[in-house]
């Protein structure tokens, strides 16, 4: 009940702050098939005693008996499974098997199962159906709790649950899934120095575009529409179009200066026609090639092709711009089609659009950061439409979740009330962190970088020509001799993994670009003897050695030649 009450308050605040549809979280309770009426009555008494709101029409059942049922003093109405999601009064649902036989209810945020379960398949079905989001999207909020559901499974087979959890976490066909047993909420450490938090926020991070990226003209116009809609720059759409039209004009003047444009227009203004004359009496057969002037219909057809070069309606906009300036309409179409068919012109326009997006992202960064989370999310989507990796901002949230079953660590940026951070580290991460936490090293705070989300530091790298993000494991914070906070990156990784070389090439390039902002940027491995080896990626010699490294042995050779013992 405490979870349901907490979820209700969080959703109320989120919906009000972000102008989103209201969400009424539901508690679903699975009871055993043979449960007695008195046992159900006792359960309902407990719910009502804990939260007065959980009685009357707030409680329903989805049993096989499709009628109101009496349990002690409680009359519990029947609610068909397909109607549960949209019932505004319903807060608690009792069921036996409905959830595992096809029922989806994204507003179900907390579940208690009182039945026994042994089989993997049954457990997987039940857990899988609970992992839904009420608004059909990942929530960007100051707490990760809104992206979680609480499952209480006291009578489920523990080993079977563990097996299902591992399968869900490792299934590449599913969205990234984190399943934590015995979850706990961690908050930004109350005594965290402000300059440490700022140092983390200032760590360079990037958006890494997907394989399919949008036209930069379309991206610019979408960005301009957002800026105008959010009243950050009411004239952004007009400024964007002027920037694009000015770019096309410059390209037009360049091509006109050397005579190229007239040749392109002339070629488009004529149509090649082949005629064949056959004499039925003399047998003469004559083929004649000639050129005729294109008519208005032919020229209009050329504009369809122009739209594939100057995209997102820009060809039509430029034609209208020329016509408004007094140019003959057909001539304006021919010029537009000629420019749209020139690869250099198209590339220049795309680059100009990308450049203005990058300029505006920097210029309006503060204004965007002050928007609601829902509006900020739209800008992050625009960032992700880049052709290449672009700098972006790190965004910390107030609360994250962890498993209270995991080992605890000191000095993390997020802690519980006992100033502990909970994390299960792998075989090479643990000795690295233990070495960094030795008091003599003077560590002020550290941050375990998540693998995804806006609070993750992303470093771009390429693997077989495809741009990807890497997420360095640890960010460490120390004070220099002037008491300024300086960050370090330490990334322990198994060098035998196929992605180790490409990832560390990317991190080396990142160190080359941003090394002056860091105390250290280290790659760390455990060699064949079990020793920790460190590679200083800020070292120009190491950066050069990493440029062409591929494969396990080549990577190990770089560590042996240029690295040193970690400790």
Protein backbone atom coordinates (compact mmCIF):
# COMPACT_ATOMS: atom_id res chain seq x y z
CA UNK A 1 0.00 0.00 0.00
CA UNK A 2 2.86 2.33 0.76
CA UNK A 3 4.14 1.78 -2.79
CA UNK A 4 0.70 2.53 -4.25
CA UNK A 5 0.35 5.71 -2.16
CA UNK A 6 3.83 6.85 -3.15
CA UNK A 7 3.21 6.12 -6.83
CA UNK A 8 -0.08 8.01 -6.70
CA UNK A 9 1.59 11.13 -5.32
CA UNK A 10 4.46 10.98 -7.82
CA UNK A 11 2.10 10.56 -10.78
CA UNK A 12 -0.12 13.42 -9.61
CA UNK A 13 2.88 15.74 -9.42
CA UNK A 14 4.28 14.57 -12.76
CA UNK A 15 0.96 14.95 -14.59
CA UNK A 16 0.47 18.46 -13.19
CA UNK A 17 4.05 19.58 -13.89
CA UNK A 18 4.23 18.15 -17.40
CA UNK A 19 0.63 18.71 -18.54
CA UNK A 20 0.25 14.99 -19.19
CA UNK A 21 -2.95 12.90 -18.88
CA UNK A 22 -3.61 11.94 -15.25
CA UNK A 23 -2.47 8.47 -14.21
CA UNK A 24 -4.19 6.55 -11.39
CA UNK A 25 -1.84 3.73 -10.38
CA UNK A 26 -3.46 0.40 -9.57
CA UNK A 27 -2.56 -2.41 -7.18
CA UNK A 28 -3.24 -5.90 -8.53
CA UNK A 29 -3.48 -8.78 -6.08
CA UNK A 30 -3.31 -12.36 -7.27
CA UNK A 31 -5.03 -14.75 -4.88
CA UNK A 32 -4.80 -18.56 -4.92
CA UNK A 33 -7.53 -20.44 -6.78
CA UNK A 34 -8.93 -22.00 -3.58
CA UNK A 35 -8.79 -18.96 -1.31
CA UNK A 36 -11.62 -18.73 1.24
CA UNK A 37 -14.05 -15.83 1.48
CA UNK A 38 -12.82 -15.06 4.98
CA UNK A 39 -9.20 -14.83 3.76
CA UNK A 40 -10.25 -12.37 1.05
CA UNK A 41 -12.21 -10.37 3.65
CA UNK A 42 -9.13 -10.20 5.88
CA UNK A 43 -7.06 -8.97 2.94
CA UNK A 44 -9.61 -6.26 2.13
CA UNK A 45 -9.71 -5.19 5.79
CA UNK A 46 -5.93 -4.79 5.76
CA UNK A 47 -6.08 -2.66 2.61
CA UNK A 48 -8.85 -0.41 3.94
CA UNK A 49 -7.13 -0.01 7.32
CA UNK A 50 -3.88 1.01 5.63
CA UNK A 51 -5.50 3.49 3.24
CA UNK A 52 -9.12 4.51 3.65
CA UNK A 53 -9.43 5.17 -0.07
CA UNK A 54 -9.12 1.46 -0.86
CA UNK A 55 -12.71 0.38 -0.34
CA UNK A 56 -16.09 0.55 -2.06
CA UNK A 57 -15.89 1.03 -5.84
CA UNK A 58 -12.12 1.47 -5.61
CA UNK A 59 -11.88 -2.32 -5.31
CA UNK A 60 -12.88 -4.79 -8.03
CA UNK A 61 -12.32 -8.41 -8.99
CA UNK A 62 -11.71 -10.24 -12.24
CA UNK A 63 -12.74 -13.71 -11.06
CA UNK A 64 -14.62 -16.21 -13.21
CA UNK A 65 -17.88 -15.20 -11.45
CA UNK A 66 -18.99 -12.12 -13.38
CA UNK A 67 -21.02 -10.53 -10.61
CA UNK A 68 -20.59 -8.56 -7.39
CA UNK A 69 -19.22 -10.79 -4.63
CA UNK A 70 -19.49 -10.39 -0.86
CA UNK A 71 -16.43 -10.93 1.33
CA UNK A 72 -17.36 -10.19 4.95
CA UNK A 73 -18.50 -6.57 5.05
CA UNK A 74 -17.04 -5.84 1.60
CA UNK A 75 -19.07 -5.92 -1.61
CA UNK A 76 -16.57 -6.23 -4.47
CA UNK A 77 -17.79 -5.48 -7.97
CA UNK A 78 -16.78 -7.42 -11.08
CA UNK A 79 -14.69 -5.59 -13.64
CA UNK A 80 -13.98 -7.18 -17.02
CA UNK A 81 -10.21 -7.35 -17.64
CA UNK A 82 -10.46 -5.24 -20.80
CA UNK A 83 -12.22 -2.47 -18.86
CA UNK A 84 -9.78 -2.21 -15.96
CA UNK A 85 -7.36 0.16 -17.68
CA UNK A 86 -9.97 2.88 -18.25
CA UNK A 87 -11.99 2.60 -15.03
CA UNK A 88 -11.32 5.91 -13.20
CA UNK A 89 -12.62 4.68 -9.80
CA UNK A 90 -10.71 1.41 -9.67
CA UNK A 91 -7.54 1.27 -7.53
CA UNK A 92 -7.28 -2.39 -6.48
CA UNK A 93 -7.97 -5.46 -8.62
CA UNK A 94 -8.23 -9.01 -7.26
CA UNK A 95 -7.56 -11.73 -9.81
CA UNK A 96 -6.65 -15.40 -10.04
CA UNK A 97 -5.30 -16.09 -13.55
CA UNK A 98 -6.56 -13.19 -15.70
CA UNK A 99 -3.22 -11.38 -15.75
CA UNK A 100 -1.34 -14.33 -17.25
CA UNK A 101 -3.97 -15.11 -19.88
CA UNK A 102 -3.92 -11.96 -21.99
CA UNK A 103 -4.77 -8.99 -19.80
CA UNK A 104 -2.69 -5.81 -20.19
CA UNK A 105 -3.06 -2.94 -17.73
CA UNK A 106 -0.25 -0.37 -17.97
CA UNK A 107 -1.55 1.54 -14.93
CA UNK A 108 -0.85 -1.54 -12.76
CA UNK A 109 2.18 -0.23 -10.86
CA UNK A 110 2.24 -2.62 -7.87
CA UNK A 111 1.45 -6.32 -7.74
CA UNK A 112 1.21 -8.79 -4.86
CA UNK A 113 0.88 -12.49 -5.68
CA UNK A 114 -0.28 -14.79 -2.88
CA UNK A 115 -0.23 -17.96 -4.97
CA UNK A 116 2.61 -20.42 -5.42
CA UNK A 117 4.45 -20.59 -8.73
CA UNK A 118 7.25 -22.91 -9.83
CA UNK A 119 7.47 -22.81 -13.64
CA UNK A 120 9.66 -20.38 -15.60
CA UNK A 121 7.04 -19.85 -18.31
CA UNK A 122 4.28 -18.90 -15.89
CA UNK A 123 6.55 -16.54 -13.95
CA UNK A 124 7.85 -14.94 -17.16
CA UNK A 125 4.30 -14.31 -18.41
CA UNK A 126 3.28 -12.62 -15.18
CA UNK A 127 6.40 -10.46 -14.87
CA UNK A 128 6.33 -9.55 -18.56
CA UNK A 129 2.74 -8.34 -18.42
CA UNK A 130 3.50 -6.10 -15.47
CA UNK A 131 6.39 -4.35 -17.23
CA UNK A 132 4.32 -1.68 -18.99
CA UNK A 133 4.38 2.10 -18.79
CA UNK A 134 1.14 4.04 -18.18
CA UNK A 135 1.89 6.68 -20.83
CA UNK A 136 3.38 4.19 -23.35
CA UNK A 137 6.79 5.80 -23.15
CA UNK A 138 9.76 6.09 -20.83
CA UNK A 139 9.10 8.88 -18.34
CA UNK A 140 11.73 11.59 -18.09
CA UNK A 141 11.36 12.85 -14.54
CA UNK A 142 13.43 13.69 -11.48
CA UNK A 143 12.90 10.17 -10.14
CA UNK A 144 13.38 6.81 -11.82
CA UNK A 145 10.51 5.39 -9.78
CA UNK A 146 7.94 6.39 -12.41
CA UNK A 147 9.62 3.98 -14.83
CA UNK A 148 9.33 1.08 -12.39
CA UNK A 149 6.75 -1.41 -11.15
CA UNK A 150 6.80 -3.14 -7.79
CA UNK A 151 6.37 -6.93 -7.72
CA UNK A 152 5.91 -8.82 -4.45
CA UNK A 153 6.17 -12.57 -5.06
CA UNK A 154 6.63 -14.21 -1.66
CA UNK A 155 5.54 -17.72 -2.76
CA UNK A 156 7.26 -17.90 -6.15
CA UNK A 157 10.13 -20.32 -6.72
CA UNK A 158 13.22 -18.19 -6.07
CA UNK A 159 15.49 -19.95 -8.57
CA UNK A 160 12.85 -19.75 -11.28
CA UNK A 161 12.40 -16.02 -10.60
CA UNK A 162 16.17 -15.51 -10.83
CA UNK A 163 16.29 -17.36 -14.16
CA UNK A 164 13.47 -15.23 -15.59
CA UNK A 165 15.15 -12.03 -14.38
CA UNK A 166 18.44 -12.94 -16.05
CA UNK A 167 16.66 -13.83 -19.29
CA UNK A 168 14.75 -10.55 -19.36
CA UNK A 169 17.91 -8.55 -18.64
CA UNK A 170 19.90 -10.27 -21.40
CA UNK A 171 17.23 -10.57 -24.11
CA UNK A 172 18.49 -8.46 -27.02
CA UNK A 173 15.00 -8.35 -28.56
CA UNK A 174 13.61 -6.47 -25.56
CA UNK A 175 14.09 -2.81 -24.60
CA UNK A 176 16.82 -2.30 -21.97
CA UNK A 177 15.42 -3.82 -18.79
CA UNK A 178 16.67 -3.47 -15.23
CA UNK A 179 15.12 -5.80 -12.69
CA UNK A 180 16.10 -5.24 -9.07
CA UNK A 181 15.27 -7.52 -6.20
CA UNK A 182 14.46 -5.75 -2.95
CA UNK A 183 14.60 -2.27 -4.56
CA UNK A 184 15.72 0.80 -2.70
CA UNK A 185 15.58 4.49 -3.63
CA UNK A 186 18.84 6.44 -3.66
CA UNK A 187 19.00 10.22 -3.72
CA UNK A 188 21.63 12.78 -4.54
CA UNK A 189 23.81 12.79 -1.44
CA UNK A 190 22.59 15.62 0.83
CA UNK A 191 26.15 16.64 1.70
CA UNK A 192 27.38 16.48 -1.90
CA UNK A 193 29.44 19.64 -2.54
CA UNK A 194 27.87 21.84 -5.19
CA UNK A 195 31.12 22.03 -7.15
CA UNK A 196 31.28 18.21 -7.38
CA UNK A 197 27.78 18.09 -8.86
CA UNK A 198 28.69 20.87 -11.28
CA UNK A 199 31.90 19.06 -12.25
CA UNK A 200 29.83 16.02 -13.21
CA UNK A 201 27.35 18.13 -15.18
CA UNK A 202 30.29 19.72 -17.03
CA UNK A 203 31.75 16.38 -18.20
CA UNK A 204 31.57 16.39 -22.04
CA UNK A 205 28.97 13.98 -23.38
CA UNK A 206 27.50 13.34 -26.82
CA UNK A 207 24.40 12.28 -28.65
CA UNK A 208 25.14 9.41 -30.99
CA UNK A 209 22.78 9.29 -33.99
CA UNK A 210 21.04 6.15 -35.13
CA UNK A 211 21.95 4.54 -38.46
CA UNK A 212 19.00 6.27 -40.13
CA UNK A 213 19.14 10.01 -39.60
CA UNK A 214 16.76 12.69 -40.73
CA UNK A 215 17.41 15.36 -43.35
CA UNK A 216 19.15 18.24 -41.60
CA UNK A 217 16.73 20.65 -43.30
CA UNK A 218 13.82 18.78 -41.70
CA UNK A 219 15.69 18.72 -38.41
CA UNK A 220 16.28 22.49 -38.50
CA UNK A 221 12.67 23.22 -39.30
CA UNK A 222 11.45 20.91 -36.53
CA UNK A 223 13.82 22.65 -34.12
CA UNK A 224 12.64 26.08 -35.25
CA UNK A 225 9.02 25.04 -34.75
CA UNK A 226 9.84 23.91 -31.18
CA UNK A 227 11.64 27.17 -30.39
CA UNK A 228 8.70 29.19 -31.67
CA UNK A 229 6.11 26.99 -29.96
CA UNK A 230 7.92 27.29 -26.63
CA UNK A 231 8.36 31.07 -27.14
CA UNK A 232 12.12 30.81 -26.90
CA UNK A 233 12.41 32.47 -30.32
CA UNK A 234 9.10 33.42 -31.92
CA UNK A 235 10.87 34.25 -35.22
CA UNK A 236 12.81 30.98 -35.45
CA UNK A 237 10.90 29.57 -38.44
CA UNK A 238 11.48 32.70 -40.51
CA UNK A 239 15.15 32.80 -39.48
CA UNK A 240 15.60 29.15 -40.45
CA UNK A 241 14.09 29.66 -43.91
CA UNK A 242 16.16 32.80 -44.51
CA UNK A 243 19.33 30.92 -43.52
CA UNK A 244 18.51 28.13 -45.98
CA UNK A 245 17.48 30.45 -48.82
CA UNK A 246 20.62 32.54 -48.36
CA UNK A 247 22.69 29.36 -48.59
CA UNK A 248 21.00 28.31 -51.84
CA UNK A 249 21.50 31.82 -53.22
CA UNK A 250 25.22 31.66 -52.46
CA UNK A 251 25.46 28.32 -54.23
CA UNK A 252 23.45 29.70 -57.15
CA UNK A 253 25.82 32.67 -57.50
CA UNK A 254 28.84 30.35 -57.31
CA UNK A 255 27.52 28.17 -60.14
CA UNK A 256 26.42 31.20 -62.17
CA UNK A 257 29.86 32.80 -61.91
CA UNK A 258 31.60 30.00 -63.81
CA UNK A 259 28.75 29.34 -66.26
CA UNK A 260 27.78 26.00 -64.73
CA UNK A 261 24.27 27.10 -63.79
CA UNK A 262 23.32 28.22 -67.30
CA UNK A 263 24.47 24.85 -68.65
CA UNK A 264 22.38 22.96 -66.08
CA UNK A 265 19.29 25.07 -66.75
CA UNK A 266 19.72 24.78 -70.51
CA UNK A 267 19.94 21.00 -70.25
CA UNK A 268 16.72 20.84 -68.25
CA UNK A 269 14.83 23.21 -70.53
CA UNK A 270 15.08 20.82 -73.50
CA UNK A 271 13.67 17.37 -74.03
CA UNK A 272 15.30 14.85 -76.34
CA UNK A 273 12.84 13.36 -78.85
CA UNK A 274 13.52 10.54 -81.29
CA UNK A 275 11.37 10.21 -84.42
CA UNK A 276 11.33 7.33 -86.90
CA UNK A 277 10.03 7.66 -90.45
CA UNK A 278 9.20 4.54 -92.44
CA UNK A 279 8.21 4.65 -96.15
CA UNK A 280 5.57 2.03 -96.93
CA UNK A 281 6.39 2.13 -100.65
CA UNK A 282 10.12 2.59 -100.90
CA UNK A 283 11.13 0.84 -97.69
CA UNK A 284 13.16 3.81 -96.42
CA UNK A 285 13.63 3.84 -92.63
CA UNK A 286 14.94 7.06 -91.09
CA UNK A 287 15.64 7.78 -87.40
CA UNK A 288 15.97 11.41 -86.33
CA UNK A 289 17.13 12.66 -82.92
CA UNK A 290 16.15 16.19 -81.99
CA UNK A 291 15.58 18.46 -79.01
CA UNK A 292 12.38 20.36 -78.28
CA UNK A 293 11.68 22.98 -75.66
CA UNK A 294 10.13 21.67 -72.44
CA UNK A 295 6.59 22.92 -71.85
CA UNK A 296 5.08 23.98 -68.52
CA UNK A 297 3.91 20.44 -67.72
CA UNK A 298 7.41 19.06 -68.28
CA UNK A 299 8.92 21.78 -66.11
CA UNK A 300 6.39 21.14 -63.33
CA UNK A 301 7.40 17.48 -63.37
CA UNK A 302 11.00 18.54 -62.79
CA UNK A 303 9.94 20.06 -59.47
CA UNK A 304 8.97 16.59 -58.21
CA UNK A 305 12.56 15.53 -58.64
CA UNK A 306 13.78 18.75 -57.06
CA UNK A 307 11.89 17.87 -53.88
CA UNK A 308 14.18 14.87 -53.44
CA UNK A 309 17.24 17.13 -53.43
CA UNK A 310 16.03 20.18 -51.55
CA UNK A 311 13.95 18.30 -49.02
CA UNK A 312 11.19 19.04 -46.54
CA UNK A 313 9.44 21.46 -48.91
CA UNK A 314 12.56 23.57 -49.41
CA UNK A 315 12.44 23.24 -53.24
CA UNK A 316 8.92 24.68 -53.29
CA UNK A 317 9.95 27.42 -50.87
CA UNK A 318 12.92 28.43 -53.01
CA UNK A 319 10.84 28.44 -56.21
CA UNK A 320 8.30 30.72 -54.50
CA UNK A 321 11.15 32.93 -53.30
CA UNK A 322 12.46 33.36 -56.87
CA UNK A 323 8.97 33.94 -58.28
CA UNK A 324 8.25 36.57 -55.61
CA UNK A 325 11.48 38.31 -56.64
CA UNK A 326 10.03 38.71 -60.15
CA UNK A 327 11.55 35.76 -61.99
CA UNK A 328 9.41 33.96 -64.57
CA UNK A 329 7.69 31.02 -62.86
CA UNK A 330 8.88 28.37 -65.31
CA UNK A 331 12.39 29.79 -65.29
CA UNK A 332 12.33 29.78 -61.47
CA UNK A 333 11.35 26.10 -61.52
CA UNK A 334 14.17 25.26 -63.93
CA UNK A 335 16.72 27.07 -61.73
CA UNK A 336 15.39 25.34 -58.62
CA UNK A 337 15.51 21.91 -60.28
CA UNK A 338 19.05 22.57 -61.54
CA UNK A 339 20.26 23.52 -58.06
CA UNK A 340 18.46 20.60 -56.40
CA UNK A 341 20.13 18.19 -58.79
CA UNK A 342 23.63 19.38 -57.95
CA UNK A 343 25.16 17.24 -55.18
CA UNK A 344 27.42 20.05 -53.95
CA UNK A 345 24.45 22.40 -53.52
CA UNK A 346 22.48 19.79 -51.57
CA UNK A 347 25.49 19.07 -49.35
CA UNK A 348 26.00 22.78 -48.67
CA UNK A 349 22.34 23.22 -47.69
CA UNK A 350 22.43 20.19 -45.36
CA UNK A 351 25.63 21.45 -43.74
CA UNK A 352 24.19 24.94 -43.30
CA UNK A 353 21.08 23.48 -41.65
CA UNK A 354 23.18 21.34 -39.33
CA UNK A 355 25.40 24.31 -38.44
CA UNK A 356 22.43 26.47 -37.44
CA UNK A 357 20.97 23.67 -35.31
CA UNK A 358 24.27 23.37 -33.46
CA UNK A 359 24.47 27.15 -33.01
CA UNK A 360 20.94 27.34 -31.64
CA UNK A 361 21.45 24.38 -29.32
CA UNK A 362 24.32 26.27 -27.69
CA UNK A 363 22.61 29.66 -27.72
CA UNK A 364 19.32 28.39 -26.25
CA UNK A 365 20.73 25.74 -23.91
CA UNK A 366 19.73 27.58 -20.74
CA UNK A 367 16.22 28.39 -21.96
CA UNK A 368 15.66 24.76 -23.00
CA UNK A 369 16.93 23.50 -19.63
CA UNK A 370 14.25 25.56 -17.87
CA UNK A 371 11.38 23.91 -19.78
CA UNK A 372 9.27 21.08 -18.38
CA UNK A 373 10.68 17.57 -18.75
CA UNK A 374 8.16 16.66 -21.46
CA UNK A 375 9.19 19.68 -23.56
CA UNK A 376 12.89 19.08 -22.96
CA UNK A 377 12.47 15.52 -24.20
CA UNK A 378 11.39 16.84 -27.61
CA UNK A 379 14.70 18.71 -27.92
CA UNK A 380 16.67 15.60 -27.03
CA UNK A 381 14.89 13.86 -29.89
CA UNK A 382 16.01 16.64 -32.24
CA UNK A 383 19.59 16.27 -30.98
CA UNK A 384 19.49 12.57 -31.83
CA UNK A 385 18.67 13.34 -35.49
CA UNK A 386 22.22 14.55 -36.12
CA UNK A 387 24.30 13.04 -38.92
CA UNK A 388 27.32 12.73 -36.65
CA UNK A 389 27.92 12.72 -32.90
CA UNK A 390 27.21 16.11 -31.35
CA UNK A 391 27.90 17.52 -27.86
CA UNK A 392 24.92 17.53 -25.53
CA UNK A 393 24.20 18.17 -21.85
CA UNK A 394 24.18 15.74 -18.96
CA UNK A 395 20.98 15.73 -16.92
CA UNK A 396 20.96 14.45 -13.34
CA UNK A 397 17.78 13.38 -11.57
CA UNK A 398 16.96 13.53 -7.87
CA UNK A 399 16.32 9.82 -7.30
CA UNK A 400 17.46 6.49 -8.77
CA UNK A 401 16.70 2.91 -7.78
CA UNK A 402 19.06 0.11 -6.79
CA UNK A 403 18.87 -3.32 -5.16
CA UNK A 404 19.30 -3.42 -1.40
CA UNK A 405 20.67 -6.97 -1.85
CA UNK A 406 23.80 -5.62 -3.58
CA UNK A 407 27.07 -4.70 -1.80
CA UNK A 408 27.39 -1.15 -0.48
CA UNK A 409 30.03 1.44 -1.39
CA UNK A 410 31.09 4.78 0.06
CA UNK A 411 31.35 8.26 -1.48
CA UNK A 412 28.96 7.80 -4.39
CA UNK A 413 26.99 10.79 -5.66
CA UNK A 414 23.73 8.89 -4.98
CA UNK A 415 23.19 7.37 -1.51
CA UNK A 416 20.56 6.11 0.89
CA UNK A 417 19.98 7.60 4.34
CA UNK A 418 23.04 5.74 5.63
CA UNK A 419 25.24 7.36 2.94
CA UNK A 420 25.66 4.06 1.08
CA UNK A 421 25.46 3.28 -2.62
CA UNK A 422 24.39 -0.21 -3.71
CA UNK A 423 26.00 -1.90 -6.71
CA UNK A 424 27.09 -5.36 -7.79
CA UNK A 425 30.36 -4.97 -9.71
CA UNK A 426 32.00 -7.49 -12.02
CA UNK A 427 35.36 -9.17 -11.59
CA UNK A 428 37.49 -6.32 -12.93
CA UNK A 429 35.36 -3.37 -11.78
CA UNK A 430 35.50 -4.30 -8.09
CA UNK A 431 39.29 -4.24 -7.58
CA UNK A 432 39.53 -0.98 -9.53
CA UNK A 433 36.96 0.74 -7.33
CA UNK A 434 38.49 -0.65 -4.14
CA UNK A 435 41.84 0.78 -5.22
CA UNK A 436 40.29 4.19 -5.91
CA UNK A 437 38.53 4.28 -2.53
CA UNK A 438 41.77 3.89 -0.56
CA UNK A 439 41.83 7.01 1.69
CA UNK A 440 45.33 8.00 0.54
CA UNK A 441 44.00 8.67 -2.95
CA UNK A 442 41.84 11.53 -1.66
CA UNK A 443 38.69 10.63 -3.60
CA UNK A 444 35.94 13.19 -2.95
CA UNK A 445 33.10 11.40 -4.78
CA UNK A 446 32.46 8.98 -7.63
CA UNK A 447 29.71 8.15 -10.12
CA UNK A 448 28.86 4.85 -11.69
CA UNK A 449 27.95 5.78 -15.24
CA UNK A 450 24.69 4.15 -16.38
CA UNK A 451 24.44 2.50 -19.80
CA UNK A 452 21.86 4.77 -21.33
CA UNK A 453 19.55 7.64 -20.49
CA UNK A 454 20.19 11.34 -20.18
CA UNK A 455 22.20 10.99 -16.97
CA UNK A 456 24.80 8.86 -18.78
CA UNK A 457 28.11 10.17 -20.11
CA UNK A 458 28.29 8.99 -23.72
CA UNK A 459 31.50 8.73 -25.72
CA UNK A 460 31.09 8.18 -29.48
CA UNK A 461 33.04 5.49 -31.30
CA UNK A 462 32.88 3.65 -34.62
CA UNK A 463 32.68 -0.08 -35.12
CA UNK A 464 32.88 -1.24 -38.75
CA UNK A 465 31.81 2.20 -39.92
CA UNK A 466 28.76 2.39 -37.65
CA UNK A 467 28.59 5.10 -34.99
CA UNK A 468 27.85 3.80 -31.50
CA UNK A 469 27.93 5.10 -27.91
CA UNK A 470 30.18 3.79 -25.16
CA UNK A 471 29.56 4.43 -21.48
CA UNK A 472 32.78 4.60 -19.39
CA UNK A 473 32.24 2.79 -16.09
CA UNK A 474 33.50 5.19 -13.44
CA UNK A 475 33.79 8.95 -13.06
CA UNK A 476 35.96 9.98 -10.13
CA UNK A 477 36.31 13.40 -8.53
CA UNK A 478 39.36 14.76 -6.67
CA UNK A 479 40.48 18.22 -5.61
CA UNK A 480 43.63 19.73 -7.04
CA UNK A 481 46.16 21.86 -5.17
CA UNK A 482 43.87 24.88 -5.59
CA UNK A 483 40.88 22.96 -4.17
CA UNK A 484 39.18 22.83 -7.57
CA UNK A 485 37.25 19.65 -8.38
CA UNK A 486 38.78 17.72 -11.29
CA UNK A 487 37.10 14.65 -12.83
CA UNK A 488 38.73 11.43 -14.01
CA UNK A 489 37.41 8.60 -16.15
CA UNK A 490 38.38 5.02 -15.38
CA UNK A 491 37.01 2.29 -17.65
CA UNK A 492 37.82 -1.31 -16.73
CA UNK A 493 36.88 -3.70 -19.53
CA UNK A 494 37.61 -7.24 -20.65
CA UNK A 495 40.14 -6.83 -23.47
CA UNK A 496 39.07 -10.16 -24.97
CA UNK A 497 35.66 -8.74 -25.91
CA UNK A 498 35.28 -7.80 -29.57
CA UNK A 499 34.16 -4.26 -28.77
CA UNK A 500 37.11 -3.41 -26.49
CA UNK A 501 39.37 -2.07 -29.25
CA UNK A 502 36.76 0.11 -31.00
CA UNK A 503 35.45 1.45 -27.68
CA UNK A 504 38.87 2.43 -26.40
CA UNK A 505 39.79 3.97 -29.75
CA UNK A 506 36.74 6.17 -29.25
CA UNK A 507 37.74 6.95 -25.66
CA UNK A 508 41.28 7.79 -26.82
CA UNK A 509 39.85 10.22 -29.40
CA UNK A 510 37.65 11.69 -26.65
CA UNK A 511 40.77 12.11 -24.47
CA UNK A 512 42.53 13.85 -27.34
CA UNK A 513 39.64 16.33 -27.64
CA UNK A 514 38.86 16.86 -23.95
CA UNK A 515 41.86 15.60 -21.98
CA UNK A 516 42.62 19.04 -20.53
CA UNK A 517 39.39 18.83 -18.52
CA UNK A 518 40.40 15.60 -16.78
CA UNK A 519 42.95 14.48 -14.22
CA UNK A 520 43.08 11.01 -15.77
CA UNK A 521 41.37 9.03 -18.51
CA UNK A 522 42.37 5.41 -17.98
CA UNK A 523 41.55 2.13 -19.68
CA UNK A 524 42.11 -0.82 -17.33
CA UNK A 525 42.40 -4.56 -17.97
CA UNK A 526 43.17 -7.71 -16.02
CA UNK A 527 46.00 -9.49 -17.87
CA UNK A 528 46.67 -13.24 -18.13
CA UNK A 529 48.37 -13.28 -14.72
CA UNK A 530 45.47 -11.52 -13.00
CA UNK A 531 47.31 -8.20 -12.68
CA UNK A 532 45.53 -4.88 -13.28
CA UNK A 533 47.12 -2.87 -16.08
CA UNK A 534 46.39 0.79 -16.78
CA UNK A 535 46.63 2.65 -20.09
CA UNK A 536 46.81 6.45 -19.97
CA UNK A 537 44.56 7.54 -22.83
CA UNK A 538 45.58 11.20 -22.35
CA UNK A 539 49.09 10.29 -23.55
CA UNK A 540 49.52 11.28 -27.25
CA UNK A 541 51.75 8.26 -27.83
CA UNK A 542 49.00 5.96 -26.55
CA UNK A 543 46.40 7.78 -28.63
CA UNK A 544 48.50 7.17 -31.75
CA UNK A 545 49.01 3.50 -30.83
CA UNK A 546 45.25 3.01 -30.36
CA UNK A 547 44.25 4.38 -33.77
CA UNK A 548 44.74 1.10 -35.64
CA UNK A 549 44.48 -1.48 -32.86
CA UNK A 550 42.22 -4.44 -33.59
CA UNK A 551 41.88 -7.77 -31.88
CA UNK A 552 42.71 -9.15 -28.47
CA UNK A 553 46.46 -9.67 -28.93
CA UNK A 554 47.05 -6.27 -30.54
CA UNK A 555 45.20 -4.56 -27.69
CA UNK A 556 47.14 -6.49 -25.05
CA UNK A 557 50.37 -5.56 -26.82
CA UNK A 558 49.52 -1.84 -26.52
CA UNK A 559 48.94 -2.27 -22.78
CA UNK A 560 52.25 -4.08 -22.36
CA UNK A 561 54.21 -1.52 -24.40
CA UNK A 562 52.61 1.67 -23.14
CA UNK A 563 50.72 0.77 -19.97
CA UNK A 564 51.65 0.29 -16.36
CA UNK A 565 50.48 -1.43 -13.22
CA UNK A 566 47.21 -0.08 -11.87
CA UNK A 567 47.29 0.78 -8.21
